[in-house]
Amino acid sequence: MIIHTLGPSSTDSYAIAESFMQSEDDGIVEYPSFDSLLHNIDQLTGQHVLFPVAFKSARKDYGWKEFNYDYWDKVDLVEVFQRKTKPMVLIKNNYYAEDRAMIHPATTIFLKKYLTEKNEDTVIEFTDSKYKAWSAFCKKNLKYTIISEDVFEKEKTTEYTIEARYEPVMVWCLYKIN
């Protein structure tokens, strides 16, 4: 089985795809965004795609619901299951240069609730994965991001504080492409 999903290997999607690997012939093809996966989907006949129902594009108003309806006649839903996400943490940069946040669109609700509680108006920007959000957050010296806890633990420094931790259950859909 070949599964196409979001990469890199630090993403939840990649970790879930790994759980399906049973032989040397199985493999995972990782994409920098679900948008890039969708751009290539017509060439993937007979292979599989894995989406969380929280999938939301960082570029356009398109998510899992739209995919499911858009490709209803080109994919077969093989399996629907639930698993907890990897723990995520809301990180604050104590020495930020810009009062902005970089996150994956699927995590918006967490940051918006936090900002409302703190009565902050931080500008929120989006990118294709939590890993990319972390990279941009560090590079641009932004105020907030949400990242998988295991990725943050590898990079932990005193300039950042964990403001909140989340570990929701996610519903996943494995499709076979016709």
C-alpha atoms as a PDB file:
ATOM      1  CA  MET A   1       0.000   0.000   0.000  1.00  0.00           C
ATOM      2  CA  ILE A   2       1.258   3.465  -0.900  1.00  0.00           C
ATOM      3  CA  ILE A   3      -0.224   6.299   1.182  1.00  0.00           C
ATOM      4  CA  HIS A   4       0.048   9.940   0.146  1.00  0.00           C
ATOM      5  CA  THR A   5      -0.287  12.473   2.971  1.00  0.00           C
ATOM      6  CA  LEU A   6       1.148  15.555   4.640  1.00  0.00           C
ATOM      7  CA  GLY A   7       4.819  15.489   5.613  1.00  0.00           C
ATOM      8  CA  PRO A   8       7.426  15.741   6.992  1.00  0.00           C
ATOM      9  CA  SER A   9       7.753  12.759   9.297  1.00  0.00           C
ATOM     10  CA  SER A  10       7.043  14.975  12.341  1.00  0.00           C
ATOM     11  CA  THR A  11       3.402  15.552  11.259  1.00  0.00           C
ATOM     12  CA  ASP A  12       0.429  13.693  12.708  1.00  0.00           C
ATOM     13  CA  SER A  13      -0.579  12.632   9.193  1.00  0.00           C
ATOM     14  CA  TYR A  14       2.765  10.958   8.559  1.00  0.00           C
ATOM     15  CA  ALA A  15       2.704   9.212  11.964  1.00  0.00           C
ATOM     16  CA  ILE A  16      -0.795   7.838  11.282  1.00  0.00           C
ATOM     17  CA  ALA A  17       0.235   6.706   7.786  1.00  0.00           C
ATOM     18  CA  GLU A  18       3.183   4.835   9.331  1.00  0.00           C
ATOM     19  CA  SER A  19       0.739   2.769  11.374  1.00  0.00           C
ATOM     20  CA  PHE A  20      -0.553   1.246   8.115  1.00  0.00           C
ATOM     21  CA  MET A  21       2.877   0.080   6.928  1.00  0.00           C
ATOM     22  CA  GLN A  22       3.049  -3.712   7.081  1.00  0.00           C
ATOM     23  CA  SER A  23       5.578  -4.766   4.450  1.00  0.00           C
ATOM     24  CA  GLU A  24       8.651  -3.564   2.580  1.00  0.00           C
ATOM     25  CA  ASP A  25       6.433  -2.821  -0.419  1.00  0.00           C
ATOM     26  CA  ASP A  26       4.345  -0.334   1.588  1.00  0.00           C
ATOM     27  CA  GLY A  27       5.374   3.297   1.562  1.00  0.00           C
ATOM     28  CA  ILE A  28       4.482   6.855   2.390  1.00  0.00           C
ATOM     29  CA  VAL A  29       4.742   9.746  -0.027  1.00  0.00           C
ATOM     30  CA  GLU A  30       4.888  13.000   1.910  1.00  0.00           C
ATOM     31  CA  TYR A  31       3.790  16.379   0.600  1.00  0.00           C
ATOM     32  CA  PRO A  32       4.608  19.875   1.867  1.00  0.00           C
ATOM     33  CA  SER A  33       0.877  20.670   1.862  1.00  0.00           C
ATOM     34  CA  PHE A  34      -2.419  18.941   1.204  1.00  0.00           C
ATOM     35  CA  ASP A  35      -2.853  21.442  -1.639  1.00  0.00           C
ATOM     36  CA  SER A  36       0.195  19.988  -3.411  1.00  0.00           C
ATOM     37  CA  LEU A  37      -1.147  16.467  -2.848  1.00  0.00           C
ATOM     38  CA  LEU A  38      -4.470  17.441  -4.422  1.00  0.00           C
ATOM     39  CA  HIS A  39      -2.629  18.991  -7.367  1.00  0.00           C
ATOM     40  CA  ASN A  40      -1.174  15.526  -8.142  1.00  0.00           C
ATOM     41  CA  ILE A  41      -4.124  13.315  -7.204  1.00  0.00           C
ATOM     42  CA  ASP A  42      -5.120  12.462 -10.787  1.00  0.00           C
ATOM     43  CA  GLN A  43      -1.782  10.646 -11.227  1.00  0.00           C
ATOM     44  CA  LEU A  44      -2.251   8.450  -8.137  1.00  0.00           C
ATOM     45  CA  THR A  45      -4.780   5.888  -9.410  1.00  0.00           C
ATOM     46  CA  GLY A  46      -4.809   2.734  -7.280  1.00  0.00           C
ATOM     47  CA  GLN A  47      -2.937   4.348  -4.401  1.00  0.00           C
ATOM     48  CA  HIS A  48      -4.226   5.807  -1.126  1.00  0.00           C
ATOM     49  CA  VAL A  49      -4.559   9.252   0.444  1.00  0.00           C
ATOM     50  CA  LEU A  50      -4.899   9.956   4.147  1.00  0.00           C
ATOM     51  CA  PHE A  51      -6.689  13.068   5.423  1.00  0.00           C
ATOM     52  CA  PRO A  52      -7.661  14.244   8.896  1.00  0.00           C
ATOM     53  CA  VAL A  53     -11.156  15.726   8.918  1.00  0.00           C
ATOM     54  CA  ALA A  54      -9.541  18.898  10.315  1.00  0.00           C
ATOM     55  CA  PHE A  55      -7.723  19.414   6.998  1.00  0.00           C
ATOM     56  CA  LYS A  56      -7.968  23.055   5.945  1.00  0.00           C
ATOM     57  CA  SER A  57      -5.992  24.690   3.195  1.00  0.00           C
ATOM     58  CA  ALA A  58      -3.744  27.585   4.167  1.00  0.00           C
ATOM     59  CA  ARG A  59      -4.234  29.063   0.677  1.00  0.00           C
ATOM     60  CA  LYS A  60      -7.951  28.889  -0.091  1.00  0.00           C
ATOM     61  CA  ASP A  61     -11.324  28.105   1.425  1.00  0.00           C
ATOM     62  CA  TYR A  62     -11.018  24.357   0.984  1.00  0.00           C
ATOM     63  CA  GLY A  63     -10.915  21.551   3.515  1.00  0.00           C
ATOM     64  CA  TRP A  64     -11.815  17.929   4.148  1.00  0.00           C
ATOM     65  CA  LYS A  65     -15.535  18.492   3.527  1.00  0.00           C
ATOM     66  CA  GLU A  66     -14.815  20.077   0.140  1.00  0.00           C
ATOM     67  CA  PHE A  67     -12.392  17.282  -0.763  1.00  0.00           C
ATOM     68  CA  ASN A  68     -14.910  14.618   0.207  1.00  0.00           C
ATOM     69  CA  TYR A  69     -17.597  16.203  -1.984  1.00  0.00           C
ATOM     70  CA  ASP A  70     -15.259  17.327  -4.783  1.00  0.00           C
ATOM     71  CA  TYR A  71     -13.755  13.856  -5.281  1.00  0.00           C
ATOM     72  CA  TRP A  72     -16.766  11.694  -4.349  1.00  0.00           C
ATOM     73  CA  ASP A  73     -16.639  10.000  -7.761  1.00  0.00           C
ATOM     74  CA  LYS A  74     -12.835   9.602  -7.890  1.00  0.00           C
ATOM     75  CA  VAL A  75     -12.084   8.068  -4.480  1.00  0.00           C
ATOM     76  CA  ASP A  76     -13.425   5.262  -2.319  1.00  0.00           C
ATOM     77  CA  LEU A  77     -13.526   5.760   1.436  1.00  0.00           C
ATOM     78  CA  VAL A  78     -11.696   2.677   2.724  1.00  0.00           C
ATOM     79  CA  GLU A  79     -11.463   3.375   6.431  1.00  0.00           C
ATOM     80  CA  VAL A  80     -12.618   5.966   8.974  1.00  0.00           C
ATOM     81  CA  PHE A  81     -11.053   5.874  12.429  1.00  0.00           C
ATOM     82  CA  GLN A  82     -10.148   8.061  15.385  1.00  0.00           C
ATOM     83  CA  ARG A  83      -6.869   8.613  17.175  1.00  0.00           C
ATOM     84  CA  LYS A  84      -5.576  11.291  19.483  1.00  0.00           C
ATOM     85  CA  THR A  85      -3.353  13.829  17.826  1.00  0.00           C
ATOM     86  CA  LYS A  86       0.202  14.114  18.995  1.00  0.00           C
ATOM     87  CA  PRO A  87       0.159  16.559  21.909  1.00  0.00           C
ATOM     88  CA  MET A  88       0.300  20.155  20.670  1.00  0.00           C
ATOM     89  CA  VAL A  89       1.579  23.174  22.552  1.00  0.00           C
ATOM     90  CA  LEU A  90       0.857  26.868  22.186  1.00  0.00           C
ATOM     91  CA  ILE A  91       4.238  28.567  22.348  1.00  0.00           C
ATOM     92  CA  LYS A  92       4.903  32.180  23.245  1.00  0.00           C
ATOM     93  CA  ASN A  93       8.141  33.847  22.234  1.00  0.00           C
ATOM     94  CA  ASN A  94       9.086  36.010  25.211  1.00  0.00           C
ATOM     95  CA  TYR A  95      11.383  38.148  23.032  1.00  0.00           C
ATOM     96  CA  TYR A  96       9.269  38.442  19.870  1.00  0.00           C
ATOM     97  CA  ALA A  97       9.970  41.086  17.221  1.00  0.00           C
ATOM     98  CA  GLU A  98       6.479  41.054  15.697  1.00  0.00           C
ATOM     99  CA  ASP A  99       3.097  40.712  17.414  1.00  0.00           C
ATOM    100  CA  ARG A 100       1.977  38.031  14.968  1.00  0.00           C
ATOM    101  CA  ALA A 101       1.266  34.306  15.149  1.00  0.00           C
ATOM    102  CA  MET A 102       1.988  31.650  12.546  1.00  0.00           C
ATOM    103  CA  ILE A 103      -0.155  28.517  12.766  1.00  0.00           C
ATOM    104  CA  HIS A 104      -1.742  25.762  10.719  1.00  0.00           C
ATOM    105  CA  PRO A 105      -5.387  26.685   9.949  1.00  0.00           C
ATOM    106  CA  ALA A 106      -6.677  23.553  11.702  1.00  0.00           C
ATOM    107  CA  THR A 107      -5.420  24.918  15.046  1.00  0.00           C
ATOM    108  CA  THR A 108      -7.102  28.328  14.745  1.00  0.00           C
ATOM    109  CA  ILE A 109      -9.744  27.634  17.392  1.00  0.00           C
ATOM    110  CA  PHE A 110      -7.084  27.017  20.049  1.00  0.00           C
ATOM    111  CA  LEU A 111      -5.238  30.274  19.395  1.00  0.00           C
ATOM    112  CA  LYS A 112      -8.411  32.353  19.054  1.00  0.00           C
ATOM    113  CA  LYS A 113      -9.719  31.100  22.411  1.00  0.00           C
ATOM    114  CA  TYR A 114      -6.377  31.856  24.050  1.00  0.00           C
ATOM    115  CA  LEU A 115      -6.179  35.363  22.552  1.00  0.00           C
ATOM    116  CA  THR A 116      -9.752  36.098  23.661  1.00  0.00           C
ATOM    117  CA  GLU A 117      -8.943  34.997  27.223  1.00  0.00           C
ATOM    118  CA  LYS A 118      -5.833  37.209  27.238  1.00  0.00           C
ATOM    119  CA  ASN A 119      -7.665  40.066  25.486  1.00  0.00           C
ATOM    120  CA  GLU A 120      -4.985  40.232  22.776  1.00  0.00           C
ATOM    121  CA  ASP A 121      -5.325  41.265  19.130  1.00  0.00           C
ATOM    122  CA  THR A 122      -2.356  39.390  17.707  1.00  0.00           C
ATOM    123  CA  VAL A 123      -2.495  39.020  13.915  1.00  0.00           C
ATOM    124  CA  ILE A 124      -2.809  35.377  12.861  1.00  0.00           C
ATOM    125  CA  GLU A 125      -1.137  34.080   9.702  1.00  0.00           C
ATOM    126  CA  PHE A 126      -1.377  30.584   8.254  1.00  0.00           C
ATOM    127  CA  THR A 127       0.876  27.998   6.675  1.00  0.00           C
ATOM    128  CA  ASP A 128       0.559  24.392   5.473  1.00  0.00           C
ATOM    129  CA  SER A 129       1.551  22.415   8.590  1.00  0.00           C
ATOM    130  CA  LYS A 130       2.399  22.869  12.249  1.00  0.00           C
ATOM    131  CA  TYR A 131       6.029  22.120  11.376  1.00  0.00           C
ATOM    132  CA  LYS A 132       6.103  24.924   8.788  1.00  0.00           C
ATOM    133  CA  ALA A 133       4.413  27.209  11.316  1.00  0.00           C
ATOM    134  CA  TRP A 134       7.199  26.462  13.813  1.00  0.00           C
ATOM    135  CA  SER A 135       9.895  27.181  11.210  1.00  0.00           C
ATOM    136  CA  ALA A 136       8.329  30.518  10.209  1.00  0.00           C
ATOM    137  CA  PHE A 137       7.725  31.445  13.863  1.00  0.00           C
ATOM    138  CA  CYS A 138      11.433  30.968  14.638  1.00  0.00           C
ATOM    139  CA  LYS A 139      12.746  32.586  11.453  1.00  0.00           C
ATOM    140  CA  LYS A 140      10.523  35.678  11.706  1.00  0.00           C
ATOM    141  CA  ASN A 141      10.750  35.958  15.509  1.00  0.00           C
ATOM    142  CA  LEU A 142       6.953  35.969  15.936  1.00  0.00           C
ATOM    143  CA  LYS A 143       4.934  35.998  19.164  1.00  0.00           C
ATOM    144  CA  TYR A 144       2.912  32.736  18.972  1.00  0.00           C
ATOM    145  CA  THR A 145       2.736  29.383  17.259  1.00  0.00           C
ATOM    146  CA  ILE A 146       1.221  25.964  17.856  1.00  0.00           C
ATOM    147  CA  ILE A 147       3.507  22.986  17.302  1.00  0.00           C
ATOM    148  CA  SER A 148       3.571  19.289  18.099  1.00  0.00           C
ATOM    149  CA  GLU A 149       5.102  18.940  21.539  1.00  0.00           C
ATOM    150  CA  ASP A 150       7.718  16.406  20.427  1.00  0.00           C
ATOM    151  CA  VAL A 151       9.085  18.859  17.833  1.00  0.00           C
ATOM    152  CA  PHE A 152       9.177  21.667  20.390  1.00  0.00           C
ATOM    153  CA  GLU A 153      10.972  19.502  22.972  1.00  0.00           C
ATOM    154  CA  LYS A 154      13.878  19.055  20.536  1.00  0.00           C
ATOM    155  CA  GLU A 155      14.240  22.825  20.161  1.00  0.00           C
ATOM    156  CA  LYS A 156      13.289  24.002  23.654  1.00  0.00           C
ATOM    157  CA  THR A 157      15.029  27.134  24.908  1.00  0.00           C
ATOM    158  CA  THR A 158      14.351  29.635  27.679  1.00  0.00           C
ATOM    159  CA  GLU A 159      13.138  32.281  25.228  1.00  0.00           C
ATOM    160  CA  TYR A 160       9.882  30.344  24.721  1.00  0.00           C
ATOM    161  CA  THR A 161       7.139  29.401  27.165  1.00  0.00           C
ATOM    162  CA  ILE A 162       4.366  26.875  26.817  1.00  0.00           C
ATOM    163  CA  GLU A 163       1.078  28.727  27.292  1.00  0.00           C
ATOM    164  CA  ALA A 164      -1.304  25.785  26.700  1.00  0.00           C
ATOM    165  CA  ARG A 165      -1.323  22.113  25.749  1.00  0.00           C
ATOM    166  CA  TYR A 166      -3.877  20.278  23.572  1.00  0.00           C
ATOM    167  CA  GLU A 167      -4.431  16.619  22.737  1.00  0.00           C
ATOM    168  CA  PRO A 168      -7.770  16.275  20.944  1.00  0.00           C
ATOM    169  CA  VAL A 169      -9.100  13.187  19.236  1.00  0.00           C
ATOM    170  CA  MET A 170      -8.998  13.411  15.448  1.00  0.00           C
ATOM    171  CA  VAL A 171     -11.077  11.546  12.902  1.00  0.00           C
ATOM    172  CA  TRP A 172      -9.031  10.217   9.967  1.00  0.00           C
ATOM    173  CA  CYS A 173     -10.154   9.085   6.531  1.00  0.00           C
ATOM    174  CA  LEU A 174      -8.184   6.709   4.323  1.00  0.00           C
ATOM    175  CA  TYR A 175      -9.250   6.822   0.664  1.00  0.00           C
ATOM    176  CA  LYS A 176      -8.305   4.705  -2.338  1.00  0.00           C
ATOM    177  CA  ILE A 177      -8.000   6.692  -5.551  1.00  0.00           C
ATOM    178  CA  ASN A 178      -9.919   5.276  -8.521  1.00  0.00           C
END
